[in-house]
């Protein structure tokens, strides 16, 4: 498929922003960096959420593909090489121009840059590095940048991108090697995992260089394993070492970019580090180094993330959750994102989804992921091989509580912090408030409501001074029936998400196409 080179930058932008909407692995920045004299932009830990994609997902960045050309034929992907799709590509100069002009107009505060594979992994990654280098060094852009690492690219290119970007990600795509073999025959688990491991080791090495202790942190006290890859039986059958070097990199890249980057940091970290405790607020390792200056010699300060497609292959929720747990424990992931499979291609290997994308299943996986990272749950507690999928009518925390009614009700004036965290309707902040307030007074249900406790759910599982809010029988069927009423309303809202309209990057007061371009691009004359 030939790339159309005669398209305007507006036409390229519309094609390549639309092609990027299926990648959901971008979120708030997770890095704090103030602006500095001579540079444009800053990054904020609070995140930057200004726009929405066409499918309703909130985005905080200019989210584009560098190119929608690709050498792979992944059956689930709209950009697969066998599709008869209009192909185009930005140049590094065009991406820089869009980013800078959009930032000056306050449309964005950062960039999310992904790409198909143009010619080869090395060629594509080199173009991405060139783009980031121009943004940072020539245009002095100090804002947030998230870039995709291309599996199979030379490690020196991954390293260079890591010193120019704030966050990097490598999409796992599918939870098992078998699923990847069936639907993405050009990709292998080894190619995907090697850059993940390289990024992880580079972040750990950076922390050691800056004197940040790996065994410091706060949270639930769960052990973090940083060393060899995947302990999950659904993930990897062996550990993976450092990516192999030796691929051909152009002399122009080495001459233009290598002198601006610290040398050999990743290659100094020979061998896997020993197991240590996790760092950060999550129970798993959020290795995001909070940059307090504009100094660029920091490797991936906002950590790395990945994405899995939900529903394209027959894996259960338990398998997906076990893979996510292995990624958090063994690769120090900042986030694992879940993307409901959207049927964009006709293929006999792909499932037929009569009810549309499995959005509710995606929602349940996100809820369970949150419980694992912040509430002290393990994948084996939430699901098992005998019970491999979530109850679609109850959120995972309520479902777990109903399976363990012998632990309830708990007395809020006496239960410890970890026990309270497992009560449905009690979040981290409300539990912290309870623990602080009960040092000076006994709490009642009125106090709990003021603290933000969701009594509609919590009332079935707690007592205050030995009494429940109402005389409620501790019966699984009774409690489940009452909780399902609220969950069914949520299920309807998730399933009917397309019944309302979200603003997108190209919406502006419902103007006609020509008017929208005039308003959006102003005097840019693209």
Protein backbone atom coordinates (compact mmCIF):
# COMPACT_ATOMS: atom_id res chain seq x y z
CA UNK A 1 0.00 0.00 0.00
CA UNK A 2 1.48 3.32 -1.09
CA UNK A 3 1.58 6.31 1.25
CA UNK A 4 -0.29 9.33 -0.08
CA UNK A 5 2.22 12.17 0.00
CA UNK A 6 0.07 14.82 -1.66
CA UNK A 7 -2.31 15.26 1.29
CA UNK A 8 -2.48 18.49 3.25
CA UNK A 9 -1.47 18.49 6.89
CA UNK A 10 -5.16 18.96 7.83
CA UNK A 11 -6.10 15.80 5.92
CA UNK A 12 -3.23 13.88 7.49
CA UNK A 13 -4.27 15.08 10.93
CA UNK A 14 -7.84 13.87 10.51
CA UNK A 15 -6.72 10.46 9.24
CA UNK A 16 -4.03 9.85 11.83
CA UNK A 17 -5.99 11.11 14.86
CA UNK A 18 -8.89 8.86 13.89
CA UNK A 19 -6.50 5.91 13.47
CA UNK A 20 -5.08 6.50 16.97
CA UNK A 21 -8.40 6.36 18.85
CA UNK A 22 -8.24 2.61 19.50
CA UNK A 23 -5.14 2.95 21.68
CA UNK A 24 -6.43 3.84 25.15
CA UNK A 25 -3.15 3.61 27.05
CA UNK A 26 -2.74 7.29 27.80
CA UNK A 27 -3.83 9.05 30.94
CA UNK A 28 -2.72 11.83 33.28
CA UNK A 29 0.97 12.56 33.11
CA UNK A 30 2.20 11.34 36.49
CA UNK A 31 5.21 13.65 36.32
CA UNK A 32 5.73 17.10 37.83
CA UNK A 33 7.94 19.50 35.91
CA UNK A 34 7.63 23.27 36.02
CA UNK A 35 8.28 25.52 33.08
CA UNK A 36 11.70 27.07 32.70
CA UNK A 37 13.13 30.10 31.00
CA UNK A 38 13.76 29.58 27.31
CA UNK A 39 11.37 26.61 27.03
CA UNK A 40 7.69 26.31 26.24
CA UNK A 41 5.31 24.22 28.33
CA UNK A 42 5.32 22.28 31.58
CA UNK A 43 4.07 18.93 32.86
CA UNK A 44 1.74 18.60 35.83
CA UNK A 45 1.15 15.59 38.07
CA UNK A 46 -2.53 16.50 38.20
CA UNK A 47 -2.84 15.50 34.55
CA UNK A 48 -4.20 17.33 31.53
CA UNK A 49 -7.69 16.47 30.32
CA UNK A 50 -9.03 18.82 27.69
CA UNK A 51 -10.60 16.80 24.92
CA UNK A 52 -12.44 13.60 24.08
CA UNK A 53 -11.93 11.12 21.30
CA UNK A 54 -14.70 10.29 18.86
CA UNK A 55 -15.60 7.15 20.83
CA UNK A 56 -16.03 9.09 24.07
CA UNK A 57 -12.71 8.47 25.78
CA UNK A 58 -11.15 11.37 27.61
CA UNK A 59 -7.72 12.32 26.32
CA UNK A 60 -5.24 14.78 27.70
CA UNK A 61 -2.87 15.03 24.75
CA UNK A 62 -2.64 15.49 21.04
CA UNK A 63 -3.07 11.81 20.26
CA UNK A 64 -1.85 10.81 16.82
CA UNK A 65 -0.17 8.09 14.83
CA UNK A 66 3.03 9.05 13.06
CA UNK A 67 1.84 6.81 10.24
CA UNK A 68 -1.00 4.36 9.66
CA UNK A 69 1.14 2.36 7.26
CA UNK A 70 2.12 -1.00 8.78
CA UNK A 71 4.02 -4.08 7.72
CA UNK A 72 2.00 -6.33 10.04
CA UNK A 73 -1.34 -7.99 9.32
CA UNK A 74 -2.90 -8.11 12.79
CA UNK A 75 -6.44 -9.33 12.20
CA UNK A 76 -8.07 -7.01 14.76
CA UNK A 77 -6.33 -3.81 13.61
CA UNK A 78 -7.86 -1.23 11.27
CA UNK A 79 -4.37 -0.38 9.99
CA UNK A 80 -3.34 -3.93 9.06
CA UNK A 81 -1.46 -4.18 5.78
CA UNK A 82 -4.20 -6.19 4.04
CA UNK A 83 -6.83 -3.45 4.51
CA UNK A 84 -7.57 -1.18 1.59
CA UNK A 85 -7.14 2.00 3.64
CA UNK A 86 -5.87 5.43 2.74
CA UNK A 87 -2.30 5.50 4.03
CA UNK A 88 -0.36 8.57 5.01
CA UNK A 89 2.44 9.67 7.25
CA UNK A 90 3.58 12.79 9.04
CA UNK A 91 7.10 14.08 8.83
CA UNK A 92 8.93 14.92 12.08
CA UNK A 93 8.66 18.60 11.19
CA UNK A 94 4.87 18.33 10.80
CA UNK A 95 4.40 16.66 14.18
CA UNK A 96 6.52 19.35 15.82
CA UNK A 97 4.58 22.11 14.09
CA UNK A 98 1.22 20.69 15.12
CA UNK A 99 2.30 20.15 18.71
CA UNK A 100 3.74 23.63 19.14
CA UNK A 101 0.90 25.46 17.43
CA UNK A 102 -1.80 23.47 19.25
CA UNK A 103 -0.05 24.13 22.54
CA UNK A 104 0.14 27.86 21.87
CA UNK A 105 -3.61 27.85 21.19
CA UNK A 106 -4.24 26.03 24.50
CA UNK A 107 -5.82 23.03 22.74
CA UNK A 108 -3.36 20.59 24.29
CA UNK A 109 -0.68 20.37 26.95
CA UNK A 110 1.25 17.40 25.64
CA UNK A 111 1.71 14.77 22.97
CA UNK A 112 0.80 11.08 22.70
CA UNK A 113 2.72 9.69 19.74
CA UNK A 114 2.22 6.17 18.45
CA UNK A 115 2.79 4.68 15.02
CA UNK A 116 2.33 1.82 12.64
CA UNK A 117 5.48 0.14 11.38
CA UNK A 118 6.87 1.99 8.37
CA UNK A 119 9.33 -0.23 6.44
CA UNK A 120 10.91 -1.63 9.62
CA UNK A 121 10.87 -1.27 13.40
CA UNK A 122 14.26 0.50 13.37
CA UNK A 123 13.24 2.98 10.68
CA UNK A 124 10.00 3.84 12.49
CA UNK A 125 11.63 4.19 15.91
CA UNK A 126 14.33 6.38 14.42
CA UNK A 127 11.68 8.73 13.00
CA UNK A 128 9.97 8.89 16.39
CA UNK A 129 13.28 9.68 18.10
CA UNK A 130 14.00 12.37 15.54
CA UNK A 131 10.59 13.92 16.23
CA UNK A 132 11.12 13.93 20.00
CA UNK A 133 14.62 15.33 19.65
CA UNK A 134 13.38 18.20 17.48
CA UNK A 135 10.61 18.98 19.96
CA UNK A 136 12.93 19.00 22.96
CA UNK A 137 16.10 20.47 21.49
CA UNK A 138 15.05 22.70 18.61
CA UNK A 139 11.59 23.85 19.72
CA UNK A 140 12.45 23.73 23.45
CA UNK A 141 9.17 21.98 24.26
CA UNK A 142 9.09 21.19 27.97
CA UNK A 143 5.60 19.67 28.08
CA UNK A 144 4.52 16.09 28.61
CA UNK A 145 5.29 13.48 25.93
CA UNK A 146 4.15 9.85 25.83
CA UNK A 147 5.68 7.76 23.05
CA UNK A 148 5.26 4.16 21.95
CA UNK A 149 8.31 1.93 21.91
CA UNK A 150 8.32 -0.13 18.73
CA UNK A 151 8.87 -3.85 19.45
CA UNK A 152 11.90 -5.16 17.61
CA UNK A 153 13.66 -1.79 17.40
CA UNK A 154 17.32 -1.47 18.30
CA UNK A 155 17.89 -0.95 22.06
CA UNK A 156 19.88 2.24 21.44
CA UNK A 157 16.79 3.79 19.83
CA UNK A 158 14.60 2.76 22.78
CA UNK A 159 17.20 4.26 25.10
CA UNK A 160 17.31 7.52 23.16
CA UNK A 161 13.51 7.84 23.22
CA UNK A 162 13.51 7.14 26.97
CA UNK A 163 15.62 10.22 27.66
CA UNK A 164 13.38 12.43 25.52
CA UNK A 165 9.90 11.22 26.58
CA UNK A 166 8.13 11.30 29.92
CA UNK A 167 6.33 7.99 29.55
CA UNK A 168 6.81 5.05 27.21
CA UNK A 169 4.55 2.12 26.52
CA UNK A 170 4.69 -1.18 24.67
CA UNK A 171 1.28 -2.71 24.01
CA UNK A 172 1.02 -6.33 25.05
CA UNK A 173 -2.05 -6.49 22.76
CA UNK A 174 -3.31 -9.97 23.75
CA UNK A 175 -2.89 -11.73 27.10
CA UNK A 176 -1.50 -15.04 25.86
CA UNK A 177 1.15 -16.05 23.36
CA UNK A 178 -1.39 -18.34 21.67
CA UNK A 179 -3.80 -15.46 21.06
CA UNK A 180 -0.98 -13.35 19.68
CA UNK A 181 0.05 -16.17 17.33
CA UNK A 182 -3.50 -16.55 15.99
CA UNK A 183 -4.42 -12.88 15.52
CA UNK A 184 -1.07 -11.11 15.15
CA UNK A 185 1.21 -13.59 13.35
CA UNK A 186 3.92 -10.99 12.69
CA UNK A 187 4.43 -10.24 16.38
CA UNK A 188 5.96 -12.41 19.08
CA UNK A 189 5.81 -12.21 22.84
CA UNK A 190 9.59 -12.05 22.99
CA UNK A 191 9.72 -8.92 20.80
CA UNK A 192 7.11 -7.21 23.00
CA UNK A 193 8.65 -8.15 26.33
CA UNK A 194 12.25 -7.20 25.53
CA UNK A 195 11.65 -3.42 25.30
CA UNK A 196 9.46 -3.63 28.42
CA UNK A 197 12.34 -5.18 30.32
CA UNK A 198 14.81 -2.67 28.89
CA UNK A 199 12.65 0.28 29.95
CA UNK A 200 12.15 -1.21 33.41
CA UNK A 201 15.87 -1.72 33.96
CA UNK A 202 16.63 1.76 32.68
CA UNK A 203 14.18 3.27 35.18
CA UNK A 204 15.64 1.26 38.05
CA UNK A 205 19.16 2.28 37.03
CA UNK A 206 18.08 5.92 36.88
CA UNK A 207 16.67 5.69 40.40
CA UNK A 208 19.91 4.21 41.66
CA UNK A 209 21.87 7.00 40.01
CA UNK A 210 19.68 9.62 41.70
CA UNK A 211 19.85 7.89 45.06
CA UNK A 212 16.15 7.06 45.24
CA UNK A 213 15.67 3.95 47.43
CA UNK A 214 13.77 1.18 45.67
CA UNK A 215 12.50 -0.20 48.96
CA UNK A 216 10.86 3.06 50.06
CA UNK A 217 7.20 3.85 49.64
CA UNK A 218 3.77 3.75 51.14
CA UNK A 219 0.69 1.66 50.59
CA UNK A 220 -0.59 -1.73 51.60
CA UNK A 221 2.78 -3.37 52.13
CA UNK A 222 2.51 -5.96 49.37
CA UNK A 223 5.83 -7.37 48.20
CA UNK A 224 7.07 -6.11 44.85
CA UNK A 225 9.06 -8.38 42.57
CA UNK A 226 11.15 -6.44 40.09
CA UNK A 227 13.36 -9.16 38.71
CA UNK A 228 12.85 -11.80 36.04
CA UNK A 229 9.80 -11.74 33.81
CA UNK A 230 6.35 -13.13 34.38
CA UNK A 231 5.48 -15.52 37.14
CA UNK A 232 1.95 -15.89 35.80
CA UNK A 233 1.29 -19.20 34.03
CA UNK A 234 -0.62 -17.23 31.40
CA UNK A 235 2.20 -14.78 30.78
CA UNK A 236 5.72 -16.06 30.24
CA UNK A 237 7.38 -19.41 30.55
CA UNK A 238 10.88 -17.99 30.93
CA UNK A 239 12.65 -14.82 31.99
CA UNK A 240 13.96 -12.39 29.46
CA UNK A 241 17.32 -10.69 29.57
CA UNK A 242 18.57 -7.48 28.06
CA UNK A 243 17.61 -6.90 24.41
CA UNK A 244 20.25 -7.85 21.92
CA UNK A 245 22.19 -5.09 20.19
CA UNK A 246 23.73 -4.95 16.79
CA UNK A 247 20.91 -3.76 14.51
CA UNK A 248 21.85 -1.19 11.91
CA UNK A 249 21.26 2.41 13.01
CA UNK A 250 21.85 5.26 10.62
CA UNK A 251 24.93 7.40 11.13
CA UNK A 252 22.72 10.50 10.98
CA UNK A 253 20.91 9.37 14.11
CA UNK A 254 24.11 8.75 16.02
CA UNK A 255 25.61 12.05 14.94
CA UNK A 256 22.55 14.19 15.65
CA UNK A 257 21.11 12.64 18.79
CA UNK A 258 23.65 10.55 20.67
CA UNK A 259 25.76 13.51 21.77
CA UNK A 260 22.76 15.01 23.58
CA UNK A 261 22.06 11.91 25.68
CA UNK A 262 23.88 10.32 28.60
CA UNK A 263 25.79 7.30 27.41
CA UNK A 264 25.42 3.69 28.31
CA UNK A 265 23.09 3.94 31.30
CA UNK A 266 20.98 1.00 30.23
CA UNK A 267 23.97 -1.09 29.23
CA UNK A 268 25.50 -0.53 32.67
CA UNK A 269 22.63 -2.44 34.23
CA UNK A 270 23.81 -5.93 33.39
CA UNK A 271 21.61 -8.68 34.72
CA UNK A 272 18.27 -8.48 36.51
CA UNK A 273 18.18 -6.56 39.81
CA UNK A 274 17.40 -8.45 42.97
CA UNK A 275 13.82 -8.45 44.27
CA UNK A 276 12.99 -5.35 46.25
CA UNK A 277 10.01 -3.51 47.66
CA UNK A 278 7.88 -1.35 45.40
CA UNK A 279 8.08 2.42 45.25
CA UNK A 280 5.08 4.70 45.16
CA UNK A 281 1.51 5.00 46.33
CA UNK A 282 0.31 1.90 44.52
CA UNK A 283 0.92 -1.53 46.02
CA UNK A 284 2.86 -2.30 42.85
CA UNK A 285 5.90 -0.45 41.55
CA UNK A 286 5.06 2.99 40.16
CA UNK A 287 8.61 3.83 39.16
CA UNK A 288 7.75 7.36 38.02
CA UNK A 289 10.58 9.67 39.10
CA UNK A 290 9.12 13.07 39.87
CA UNK A 291 11.30 15.46 37.96
CA UNK A 292 11.73 18.73 39.86
CA UNK A 293 13.74 20.56 37.23
CA UNK A 294 13.95 20.85 33.48
CA UNK A 295 17.02 18.60 33.41
CA UNK A 296 16.54 16.20 30.49
CA UNK A 297 18.86 13.42 31.59
CA UNK A 298 16.11 11.44 33.26
CA UNK A 299 14.94 8.14 31.85
CA UNK A 300 11.15 7.72 31.44
CA UNK A 301 10.24 9.72 34.59
CA UNK A 302 6.51 8.90 34.35
CA UNK A 303 7.08 5.14 34.06
CA UNK A 304 5.78 2.72 31.44
CA UNK A 305 2.34 1.36 30.64
CA UNK A 306 0.76 -1.23 28.36
CA UNK A 307 -2.59 -2.24 26.90
CA UNK A 308 -4.52 -5.47 26.43
CA UNK A 309 -7.50 -6.01 24.13
CA UNK A 310 -10.57 -7.43 25.87
CA UNK A 311 -12.78 -9.88 23.99
CA UNK A 312 -10.82 -10.51 20.79
CA UNK A 313 -9.62 -13.89 22.08
CA UNK A 314 -11.33 -16.40 24.39
CA UNK A 315 -9.20 -15.78 27.50
CA UNK A 316 -11.13 -15.42 30.74
CA UNK A 317 -11.13 -12.45 33.10
CA UNK A 318 -8.98 -14.50 35.47
CA UNK A 319 -6.33 -15.00 32.80
CA UNK A 320 -6.28 -11.30 31.93
CA UNK A 321 -6.08 -10.29 35.59
CA UNK A 322 -3.27 -12.79 36.24
CA UNK A 323 -1.31 -11.32 33.32
CA UNK A 324 -1.86 -7.79 34.64
CA UNK A 325 -0.68 -8.86 38.09
CA UNK A 326 2.47 -10.37 36.59
CA UNK A 327 3.14 -7.15 34.67
CA UNK A 328 2.79 -5.04 37.81
CA UNK A 329 4.93 -7.33 39.93
CA UNK A 330 7.68 -8.18 37.45
CA UNK A 331 7.88 -5.21 35.08
CA UNK A 332 7.01 -2.29 37.36
CA UNK A 333 4.15 -1.12 35.14
CA UNK A 334 2.62 2.23 35.93
CA UNK A 335 -0.69 1.16 34.43
CA UNK A 336 -2.21 -1.71 32.54
CA UNK A 337 -5.00 -0.50 30.26
CA UNK A 338 -7.87 -2.61 28.97
CA UNK A 339 -9.48 -1.90 25.61
CA UNK A 340 -12.81 -3.48 24.68
CA UNK A 341 -12.49 -5.18 21.31
CA UNK A 342 -14.12 -3.13 18.55
CA UNK A 343 -14.94 -5.20 15.42
CA UNK A 344 -13.46 -3.06 12.64
CA UNK A 345 -12.51 -5.94 10.30
CA UNK A 346 -14.31 -8.93 8.83
CA UNK A 347 -12.36 -12.08 9.59
CA UNK A 348 -13.34 -15.63 10.46
CA UNK A 349 -10.76 -15.66 13.29
CA UNK A 350 -12.43 -12.73 15.04
CA UNK A 351 -15.43 -13.09 17.36
CA UNK A 352 -18.90 -11.96 16.35
CA UNK A 353 -20.15 -9.49 18.96
CA UNK A 354 -23.90 -9.15 18.59
CA UNK A 355 -24.10 -6.84 21.60
CA UNK A 356 -21.26 -4.58 20.52
CA UNK A 357 -17.90 -4.09 22.26
CA UNK A 358 -17.69 -5.69 25.74
CA UNK A 359 -17.64 -2.37 27.55
CA UNK A 360 -19.05 -3.71 30.82
CA UNK A 361 -16.41 -6.44 30.93
CA UNK A 362 -13.74 -3.80 30.32
CA UNK A 363 -15.24 -1.77 33.18
CA UNK A 364 -15.09 -4.73 35.56
CA UNK A 365 -11.44 -5.35 34.69
CA UNK A 366 -10.59 -1.73 35.44
CA UNK A 367 -12.39 -2.00 38.80
CA UNK A 368 -10.49 -5.19 39.64
CA UNK A 369 -7.22 -3.63 38.50
CA UNK A 370 -7.82 -0.74 40.91
CA UNK A 371 -8.48 -3.21 43.74
CA UNK A 372 -5.19 -4.98 43.05
CA UNK A 373 -3.15 -1.78 42.90
CA UNK A 374 -4.62 0.18 45.79
CA UNK A 375 -6.78 -2.06 47.98
CA UNK A 376 -4.50 -5.02 48.65
CA UNK A 377 -6.33 -7.67 46.62
CA UNK A 378 -4.66 -10.46 44.67
CA UNK A 379 -5.95 -11.84 41.38
CA UNK A 380 -6.49 -15.22 43.04
CA UNK A 381 -8.78 -13.62 45.63
CA UNK A 382 -11.05 -12.03 43.07
CA UNK A 383 -11.26 -14.93 40.60
CA UNK A 384 -10.08 -18.50 40.19
CA UNK A 385 -9.93 -21.25 37.58
CA UNK A 386 -13.22 -22.58 38.94
CA UNK A 387 -14.78 -19.09 38.81
CA UNK A 388 -12.92 -17.44 35.92
CA UNK A 389 -15.16 -14.47 35.02
CA UNK A 390 -16.59 -11.49 36.88
CA UNK A 391 -20.24 -11.13 37.79
CA UNK A 392 -21.48 -8.49 35.36
CA UNK A 393 -24.24 -7.44 37.77
CA UNK A 394 -21.96 -6.69 40.74
CA UNK A 395 -18.70 -4.80 41.00
CA UNK A 396 -15.73 -7.01 41.99
CA UNK A 397 -15.47 -5.64 45.53
CA UNK A 398 -19.15 -6.32 46.31
CA UNK A 399 -18.91 -9.71 44.66
CA UNK A 400 -15.86 -10.62 46.78
CA UNK A 401 -17.63 -9.49 49.95
CA UNK A 402 -20.66 -11.64 49.15
CA UNK A 403 -18.38 -14.65 48.69
CA UNK A 404 -16.87 -14.00 52.15
CA UNK A 405 -19.83 -13.03 54.31
CA UNK A 406 -18.19 -14.84 57.23
CA UNK A 407 -15.89 -11.78 57.56
CA UNK A 408 -18.78 -9.35 57.95
CA UNK A 409 -20.13 -7.20 59.45
CA UNK A 410 -17.06 -5.33 60.69
CA UNK A 411 -17.06 -2.72 63.43
CA UNK A 412 -15.83 0.59 61.99
CA UNK A 413 -14.65 1.81 65.41
CA UNK A 414 -12.32 -1.15 65.87
CA UNK A 415 -11.43 -2.79 62.51
CA UNK A 416 -7.92 -2.20 61.21
CA UNK A 417 -7.11 -0.20 58.08
CA UNK A 418 -6.67 -3.19 55.75
CA UNK A 419 -9.99 -4.73 56.86
CA UNK A 420 -11.88 -1.48 56.30
CA UNK A 421 -10.40 -1.15 52.80
CA UNK A 422 -12.18 -4.36 51.81
CA UNK A 423 -15.63 -3.12 52.82
CA UNK A 424 -17.80 -2.19 49.79
CA UNK A 425 -18.64 1.50 49.85
CA UNK A 426 -15.45 2.49 51.69
CA UNK A 427 -12.69 4.09 49.65
CA UNK A 428 -9.12 4.94 50.58
CA UNK A 429 -9.89 8.50 51.66
CA UNK A 430 -12.95 7.60 53.69
CA UNK A 431 -11.01 4.82 55.47
CA UNK A 432 -8.21 7.25 56.26
CA UNK A 433 -10.74 9.69 57.68
CA UNK A 434 -12.35 6.95 59.76
CA UNK A 435 -9.03 5.83 61.23
CA UNK A 436 -8.08 9.43 62.08
CA UNK A 437 -11.48 10.43 63.51
CA UNK A 438 -12.03 7.42 65.74
CA UNK A 439 -8.94 8.30 67.77
CA UNK A 440 -10.93 11.02 69.50
CA UNK A 441 -14.57 9.88 69.27
CA UNK A 442 -16.86 6.96 68.49
CA UNK A 443 -18.33 7.17 65.02
CA UNK A 444 -21.94 6.63 64.00
CA UNK A 445 -23.57 6.30 60.57
CA UNK A 446 -24.17 10.03 60.30
CA UNK A 447 -20.44 10.64 60.73
CA UNK A 448 -19.64 8.03 58.09
CA UNK A 449 -21.94 9.70 55.57
CA UNK A 450 -20.20 13.03 56.11
CA UNK A 451 -16.86 11.33 55.48
CA UNK A 452 -17.96 10.15 52.04
CA UNK A 453 -18.87 6.54 52.83
CA UNK A 454 -21.40 5.13 50.32
CA UNK A 455 -23.89 3.74 52.83
CA UNK A 456 -26.06 2.24 50.09
CA UNK A 457 -23.40 -0.43 49.77
CA UNK A 458 -21.56 -0.27 53.08
CA UNK A 459 -24.68 -0.67 55.27
CA UNK A 460 -24.77 -4.43 54.63
CA UNK A 461 -21.19 -4.97 55.83
CA UNK A 462 -20.53 -2.63 58.79
CA UNK A 463 -21.69 -1.84 62.31
CA UNK A 464 -21.28 1.27 64.45
CA UNK A 465 -21.02 0.54 68.19
CA UNK A 466 -22.21 -2.99 67.49
CA UNK A 467 -25.37 -2.01 65.60
CA UNK A 468 -26.23 -2.05 61.89
CA UNK A 469 -27.97 0.87 60.21
CA UNK A 470 -31.09 -1.25 59.73
CA UNK A 471 -31.97 -4.79 60.88
CA UNK A 472 -30.50 -6.47 57.77
CA UNK A 473 -30.12 -10.25 57.50
CA UNK A 474 -26.60 -11.38 56.62
CA UNK A 475 -27.86 -13.41 53.69
CA UNK A 476 -26.13 -13.63 50.32
CA UNK A 477 -29.28 -13.65 48.19
CA UNK A 478 -30.89 -10.77 50.09
CA UNK A 479 -27.84 -8.52 49.92
CA UNK A 480 -27.09 -9.41 46.29
CA UNK A 481 -30.66 -8.59 45.26
CA UNK A 482 -30.43 -5.14 46.83
CA UNK A 483 -26.97 -4.38 45.42
CA UNK A 484 -27.88 -5.49 41.90
CA UNK A 485 -30.50 -2.78 41.58
CA UNK A 486 -27.84 -0.08 41.66
CA UNK A 487 -25.43 -2.06 39.48
CA UNK A 488 -28.06 -2.64 36.79
CA UNK A 489 -28.47 1.11 36.44
CA UNK A 490 -24.71 1.46 36.02
CA UNK A 491 -24.72 -1.36 33.46
CA UNK A 492 -27.35 0.50 31.43
CA UNK A 493 -25.32 3.71 31.51
CA UNK A 494 -22.17 1.90 30.34
CA UNK A 495 -24.02 0.00 27.61
CA UNK A 496 -25.77 3.15 26.35
CA UNK A 497 -22.67 5.33 26.34
CA UNK A 498 -23.12 6.15 22.65
CA UNK A 499 -26.59 7.60 23.22
CA UNK A 500 -25.03 10.97 24.05
CA UNK A 501 -22.42 12.99 22.18
CA UNK A 502 -18.95 13.81 23.44
CA UNK A 503 -16.86 16.71 22.24
CA UNK A 504 -13.87 15.75 20.13
CA UNK A 505 -10.71 17.55 19.12
CA UNK A 506 -12.40 18.78 15.95
CA UNK A 507 -15.69 20.02 17.45
CA UNK A 508 -16.15 23.77 17.58
CA UNK A 509 -19.67 25.17 18.01
CA UNK A 510 -21.15 22.82 15.36
CA UNK A 511 -19.57 24.80 12.51
CA UNK A 512 -19.33 23.47 8.98
CA UNK A 513 -16.13 21.72 7.90
CA UNK A 514 -14.51 24.79 6.34
CA UNK A 515 -15.42 26.93 9.32
CA UNK A 516 -14.03 24.37 11.73
CA UNK A 517 -10.67 24.40 9.99
CA UNK A 518 -10.55 28.20 10.06
CA UNK A 519 -11.30 28.26 13.79
CA UNK A 520 -9.06 25.32 14.69
CA UNK A 521 -5.96 26.28 12.78
CA UNK A 522 -6.36 30.08 12.86
CA UNK A 523 -3.54 31.75 10.97
CA UNK A 524 -1.36 28.62 10.96
CA UNK A 525 -1.93 28.20 7.17
CA UNK A 526 -1.19 24.48 7.22
